[in-house]
Amino acid sequence: MSQTSFSIEAFLRSRIGLLMLGLLAIGGIFLIVEHLPHVASGLPYVLLLLCPLIHLFMHRGHGVGHRDGHQHSGEDKNGHP
């Protein structure tokens, strides 16, 4: 038995590979064209669902404790109001 090596580049340059790439491209275009209105109608809801996630990342570590040594308004040096 002889071992044959399989090369993806050689397959994609063959007739069958080029035909497969062409069919995948045509199918991808039809998929995008047909389903774009469905996806676009859900974008406002996606933005609303992302708001809590964005809020968490924008306030990373907020409220965990202030170790920076800055005095906040209304507090003395010991942290008392």
Protein backbone atom coordinates (compact mmCIF):
# COMPACT_ATOMS: atom_id res chain seq x y z
CA MET A 1 0.00 0.00 0.00
CA SER A 2 1.33 3.37 -0.88
CA GLN A 3 0.67 6.41 1.24
CA THR A 4 -0.72 9.35 -0.70
CA SER A 5 -0.55 12.79 0.82
CA PHE A 6 -3.64 14.95 0.65
CA SER A 7 -3.11 18.61 -0.10
CA ILE A 8 -5.96 21.07 0.33
CA GLU A 9 -4.32 23.54 -2.04
CA ALA A 10 -4.08 20.93 -4.77
CA PHE A 11 -7.71 19.92 -4.24
CA LEU A 12 -8.97 23.50 -4.40
CA ARG A 13 -7.10 24.04 -7.67
CA SER A 14 -8.61 20.96 -9.27
CA ARG A 15 -11.81 21.07 -11.34
CA ILE A 16 -13.93 19.61 -8.57
CA GLY A 17 -12.44 22.01 -6.02
CA LEU A 18 -13.12 25.04 -8.21
CA LEU A 19 -16.66 23.83 -8.85
CA MET A 20 -17.20 23.36 -5.12
CA LEU A 21 -15.86 26.85 -4.35
CA GLY A 22 -18.13 28.37 -7.02
CA LEU A 23 -21.21 26.59 -5.69
CA LEU A 24 -20.37 27.61 -2.11
CA ALA A 25 -19.96 31.24 -3.21
CA ILE A 26 -23.29 31.24 -5.06
CA GLY A 27 -25.01 29.56 -2.11
CA GLY A 28 -23.49 32.08 0.29
CA ILE A 29 -24.69 35.01 -1.79
CA PHE A 30 -28.23 33.62 -1.94
CA LEU A 31 -28.16 32.93 1.79
CA ILE A 32 -27.13 36.50 2.58
CA VAL A 33 -29.62 38.07 0.16
CA GLU A 34 -32.56 35.99 1.38
CA HIS A 35 -31.91 36.24 5.12
CA LEU A 36 -30.59 39.80 5.42
CA PRO A 37 -34.05 41.32 6.10
CA HIS A 38 -34.63 38.82 8.91
CA VAL A 39 -31.29 39.60 10.52
CA ALA A 40 -31.67 43.36 10.04
CA SER A 41 -35.06 43.37 11.75
CA GLY A 42 -33.48 41.93 14.92
CA LEU A 43 -30.59 44.40 15.19
CA PRO A 44 -32.38 46.85 17.55
CA TYR A 45 -33.03 43.98 19.95
CA VAL A 46 -29.40 42.91 19.78
CA LEU A 47 -28.33 46.43 20.73
CA LEU A 48 -30.72 46.41 23.69
CA LEU A 49 -29.40 43.05 24.84
CA LEU A 50 -25.81 44.30 24.59
CA CYS A 51 -26.43 47.28 26.90
CA PRO A 52 -25.97 45.35 30.19
CA LEU A 53 -22.85 43.68 28.86
CA ILE A 54 -21.36 46.99 27.74
CA HIS A 55 -22.28 48.48 31.13
CA LEU A 56 -20.34 45.74 32.93
CA PHE A 57 -17.26 46.28 30.81
CA MET A 58 -17.40 50.07 31.10
CA HIS A 59 -17.57 49.90 34.91
CA ARG A 60 -14.94 47.23 35.39
CA GLY A 61 -14.17 47.02 39.07
CA HIS A 62 -16.50 49.88 39.99
CA GLY A 63 -17.61 49.57 43.58
CA VAL A 64 -15.12 46.86 44.50
CA GLY A 65 -13.05 49.19 46.61
CA HIS A 66 -11.01 52.30 46.13
CA ARG A 67 -7.34 51.52 46.54
CA ASP A 68 -6.11 54.51 44.62
CA GLY A 69 -5.68 56.74 47.69
CA HIS A 70 -7.73 59.61 46.25
CA GLN A 71 -10.00 61.47 48.62
CA HIS A 72 -13.56 61.68 47.34
CA SER A 73 -15.78 64.70 47.94
CA GLY A 74 -17.48 64.69 51.33
CA GLU A 75 -14.95 62.31 52.95
CA ASP A 76 -12.09 63.01 55.26
CA LYS A 77 -8.70 61.23 55.07
CA ASN A 78 -10.03 58.20 57.00
CA GLY A 79 -12.92 57.69 54.56
CA HIS A 80 -15.59 58.95 56.97
CA PRO A 81 -18.32 61.25 55.65
